Amino acid sequence: MTIFEGTFTQDPSALRFAIVIGRFNDLVTDKLLGGCQDCLKRHGIDVNPHGTQVDYVWVPGSFEVPLVARQLALSGNYDAIICLGAIIRGHTPHFDYVAAEAAKGIAAVGFQTGTPVVFGILTTDTMQQALERAGIKSNLGWNYALNALEMASLMGQLQGKVTPNNSQASLPVSQMKNPMISE
């Protein structure tokens, strides 16, 4: 039996990432971006905006993130896309609509394109909660980048770009058996 799982030991020089950042609540999203860049840099990725490994795209807010993420994924230029944003509850139902559509849209991009798309949009009740998750207590931007690195590695294996961790041969994804489907 073949075991596939993402690793952090491969040569990162060939990996390409896009980061889509919602400008709304930029006090929070700037901090998430900083944590994301720190993680990528510490794992050997050149995070320089003028470099060749990471492209940055700023959009007005979290609602616009999925559309841009889809365009980037369709280009085929990226091993993973990281979506960053912050949606903070207010006194109207606006929060619920934006949060739900951003989540559905980002998930759809991954399903439609086969490119890993990381959901890095904070959905919190207060600004304090958002700031705690963006650096006061911990910075989830780091986790989002780590997820992107792992998924890029895993998808590379599943697409035959990398040898699986402990197997002699691997099957194309189309020939893998789904344990959730009985035959």
Protein backbone atom coordinates (compact mmCIF):
# COMPACT_ATOMS: atom_id res chain seq x y z
CA MET A 1 0.00 0.00 0.00
CA THR A 2 1.28 3.46 -0.85
CA ILE A 3 1.22 6.26 1.68
CA PHE A 4 1.14 9.81 0.44
CA GLU A 5 1.70 12.78 2.70
CA GLY A 6 3.18 16.20 2.26
CA THR A 7 6.73 16.80 3.42
CA PHE A 8 8.84 19.84 4.19
CA THR A 9 12.16 18.33 3.15
CA GLN A 10 11.97 18.68 -0.63
CA ASP A 11 13.88 21.31 -2.57
CA PRO A 12 11.66 24.40 -2.33
CA SER A 13 13.33 26.29 -5.18
CA ALA A 14 10.88 24.99 -7.80
CA LEU A 15 7.72 25.85 -5.83
CA ARG A 16 5.55 28.83 -6.76
CA PHE A 17 2.90 30.41 -4.59
CA ALA A 18 0.34 33.18 -4.90
CA ILE A 19 -1.02 35.02 -1.90
CA VAL A 20 -4.34 36.82 -2.27
CA ILE A 21 -4.89 39.38 0.48
CA GLY A 22 -8.08 41.23 1.33
CA ARG A 23 -7.31 44.89 2.00
CA PHE A 24 -10.37 45.39 4.24
CA ASN A 25 -9.26 45.10 7.89
CA ASP A 26 -5.66 45.51 6.74
CA LEU A 27 -4.53 46.00 10.32
CA VAL A 28 -5.17 42.26 10.62
CA THR A 29 -4.35 41.07 7.11
CA ASP A 30 -0.96 42.80 7.11
CA LYS A 31 -0.04 40.80 10.22
CA LEU A 32 -1.31 37.55 8.67
CA LEU A 33 0.77 38.25 5.59
CA GLY A 34 3.85 38.83 7.76
CA GLY A 35 3.39 35.48 9.49
CA CYS A 36 2.83 33.78 6.16
CA GLN A 37 5.99 35.29 4.68
CA ASP A 38 8.02 34.35 7.76
CA CYS A 39 7.01 30.70 7.45
CA LEU A 40 7.68 30.53 3.72
CA LYS A 41 11.06 32.22 4.13
CA ARG A 42 12.11 29.85 6.92
CA HIS A 43 11.23 26.94 4.63
CA GLY A 44 13.47 28.16 1.82
CA ILE A 45 11.01 30.15 -0.28
CA ASP A 46 12.08 33.53 -1.68
CA VAL A 47 9.28 35.84 -0.52
CA ASN A 48 10.63 38.93 -2.28
CA PRO A 49 7.77 40.50 -4.27
CA HIS A 50 10.24 41.02 -7.12
CA GLY A 51 11.42 37.40 -6.95
CA THR A 52 10.12 34.40 -8.86
CA GLN A 53 8.48 32.28 -6.17
CA VAL A 54 5.67 34.32 -4.63
CA ASP A 55 3.18 36.63 -6.28
CA TYR A 56 1.04 38.95 -4.15
CA VAL A 57 -2.42 40.12 -5.16
CA TRP A 58 -4.35 42.67 -3.11
CA VAL A 59 -8.13 42.77 -3.45
CA PRO A 60 -10.69 45.07 -1.79
CA GLY A 61 -11.98 42.51 0.72
CA SER A 62 -12.56 38.85 1.52
CA PHE A 63 -15.58 38.60 -0.77
CA GLU A 64 -13.34 39.28 -3.79
CA VAL A 65 -10.67 36.76 -2.82
CA PRO A 66 -12.23 33.64 -4.45
CA LEU A 67 -12.59 35.22 -7.90
CA VAL A 68 -8.94 36.25 -8.00
CA ALA A 69 -7.79 32.94 -6.50
CA ARG A 70 -9.65 31.11 -9.28
CA GLN A 71 -7.98 33.19 -12.00
CA LEU A 72 -4.59 32.50 -10.48
CA ALA A 73 -5.30 28.77 -10.15
CA LEU A 74 -6.50 28.54 -13.75
CA SER A 75 -3.18 29.99 -14.91
CA GLY A 76 -1.44 26.78 -13.84
CA ASN A 77 1.51 28.82 -12.57
CA TYR A 78 1.19 28.03 -8.87
CA ASP A 79 1.71 25.01 -6.65
CA ALA A 80 -0.61 26.52 -4.03
CA ILE A 81 -2.58 29.68 -3.39
CA ILE A 82 -2.97 31.21 0.06
CA CYS A 83 -6.06 33.33 0.67
CA LEU A 84 -5.80 35.85 3.50
CA GLY A 85 -8.55 38.04 4.89
CA ALA A 86 -10.39 39.13 8.01
CA ILE A 87 -14.14 39.27 8.40
CA ILE A 88 -15.23 40.73 11.73
CA ARG A 89 -18.83 40.49 12.89
CA GLY A 90 -20.78 43.71 13.04
CA HIS A 91 -24.37 44.58 13.93
CA THR A 92 -25.89 43.42 10.64
CA PRO A 93 -26.07 40.07 8.83
CA HIS A 94 -23.42 41.28 6.36
CA PHE A 95 -20.78 39.19 8.21
CA ASP A 96 -22.73 35.97 7.61
CA TYR A 97 -23.08 36.56 3.87
CA VAL A 98 -19.48 37.56 3.28
CA ALA A 99 -18.03 34.78 5.43
CA ALA A 100 -20.18 32.07 3.86
CA GLU A 101 -19.54 33.16 0.28
CA ALA A 102 -15.81 33.58 0.82
CA ALA A 103 -15.56 30.09 2.32
CA LYS A 104 -17.67 28.47 -0.40
CA GLY A 105 -15.84 30.32 -3.14
CA ILE A 106 -12.38 29.41 -1.91
CA ALA A 107 -13.35 25.75 -1.50
CA ALA A 108 -14.81 25.72 -5.01
CA VAL A 109 -11.57 27.03 -6.50
CA GLY A 110 -9.64 24.04 -5.20
CA PHE A 111 -12.29 21.57 -6.37
CA GLN A 112 -12.59 23.16 -9.81
CA THR A 113 -8.90 23.56 -10.55
CA GLY A 114 -7.04 20.89 -8.56
CA THR A 115 -4.73 23.58 -7.17
CA PRO A 116 -4.43 23.66 -3.38
CA VAL A 117 -6.13 26.80 -2.10
CA VAL A 118 -5.64 27.55 1.58
CA PHE A 119 -8.49 29.21 3.47
CA GLY A 120 -6.71 31.83 5.56
CA ILE A 121 -9.61 34.14 6.23
CA LEU A 122 -10.26 34.90 9.86
CA THR A 123 -13.92 35.05 10.84
CA THR A 124 -14.18 36.54 14.30
CA ASP A 125 -16.70 38.28 16.52
CA THR A 126 -14.38 41.13 17.52
CA MET A 127 -11.29 42.98 16.35
CA GLN A 128 -9.54 41.77 19.51
CA GLN A 129 -10.12 38.12 18.50
CA ALA A 130 -8.79 38.85 15.01
CA LEU A 131 -5.66 40.54 16.36
CA GLU A 132 -5.03 37.65 18.75
CA ARG A 133 -5.06 35.25 15.79
CA ALA A 134 -2.89 37.55 13.69
CA GLY A 135 -0.02 38.02 16.07
CA ILE A 136 -0.91 38.98 19.64
CA LYS A 137 -1.14 35.36 20.84
CA SER A 138 -0.10 33.50 17.70
CA ASN A 139 -0.03 34.27 14.01
CA LEU A 140 -2.20 31.97 11.95
CA GLY A 141 -0.52 33.34 8.82
CA TRP A 142 2.33 30.96 9.67
CA ASN A 143 -0.08 28.00 9.77
CA TYR A 144 -1.67 28.97 6.47
CA ALA A 145 1.73 29.05 4.77
CA LEU A 146 2.67 25.72 6.34
CA ASN A 147 -0.57 24.21 5.01
CA ALA A 148 0.28 25.53 1.53
CA LEU A 149 3.77 24.02 1.66
CA GLU A 150 2.40 20.65 2.74
CA MET A 151 -0.38 20.63 0.16
CA ALA A 152 1.99 21.66 -2.64
CA SER A 153 4.21 18.73 -1.71
CA LEU A 154 1.29 16.31 -1.45
CA MET A 155 -0.27 17.34 -4.74
CA GLY A 156 3.13 17.07 -6.40
CA GLN A 157 3.32 13.48 -5.24
CA LEU A 158 -0.22 12.68 -6.36
CA GLN A 159 0.48 14.17 -9.78
CA GLY A 160 3.67 12.15 -10.14
CA LYS A 161 6.10 15.03 -9.71
CA VAL A 162 7.63 13.61 -6.53
CA THR A 163 8.27 10.08 -5.30
CA PRO A 164 5.92 9.04 -2.46
CA ASN A 165 7.42 8.79 1.02
CA ASN A 166 7.63 5.02 1.32
CA SER A 167 6.62 3.22 -1.84
CA GLN A 168 8.22 1.71 -4.91
CA ALA A 169 5.54 2.95 -7.32
CA SER A 170 2.59 5.27 -7.28
CA LEU A 171 -0.71 5.24 -9.09
CA PRO A 172 -2.11 8.19 -10.98
CA VAL A 173 -4.82 9.91 -8.94
CA SER A 174 -7.47 8.66 -11.38
CA GLN A 175 -6.56 5.05 -10.54
CA MET A 176 -6.44 5.42 -6.77
CA LYS A 177 -9.17 3.68 -4.83
CA ASN A 178 -11.31 5.89 -2.66
CA PRO A 179 -11.77 4.24 0.76
CA MET A 180 -15.14 5.99 1.09
CA ILE A 181 -16.52 4.18 -1.97
CA SER A 182 -17.11 0.44 -1.76
CA GLU A 183 -16.79 -1.56 -4.92
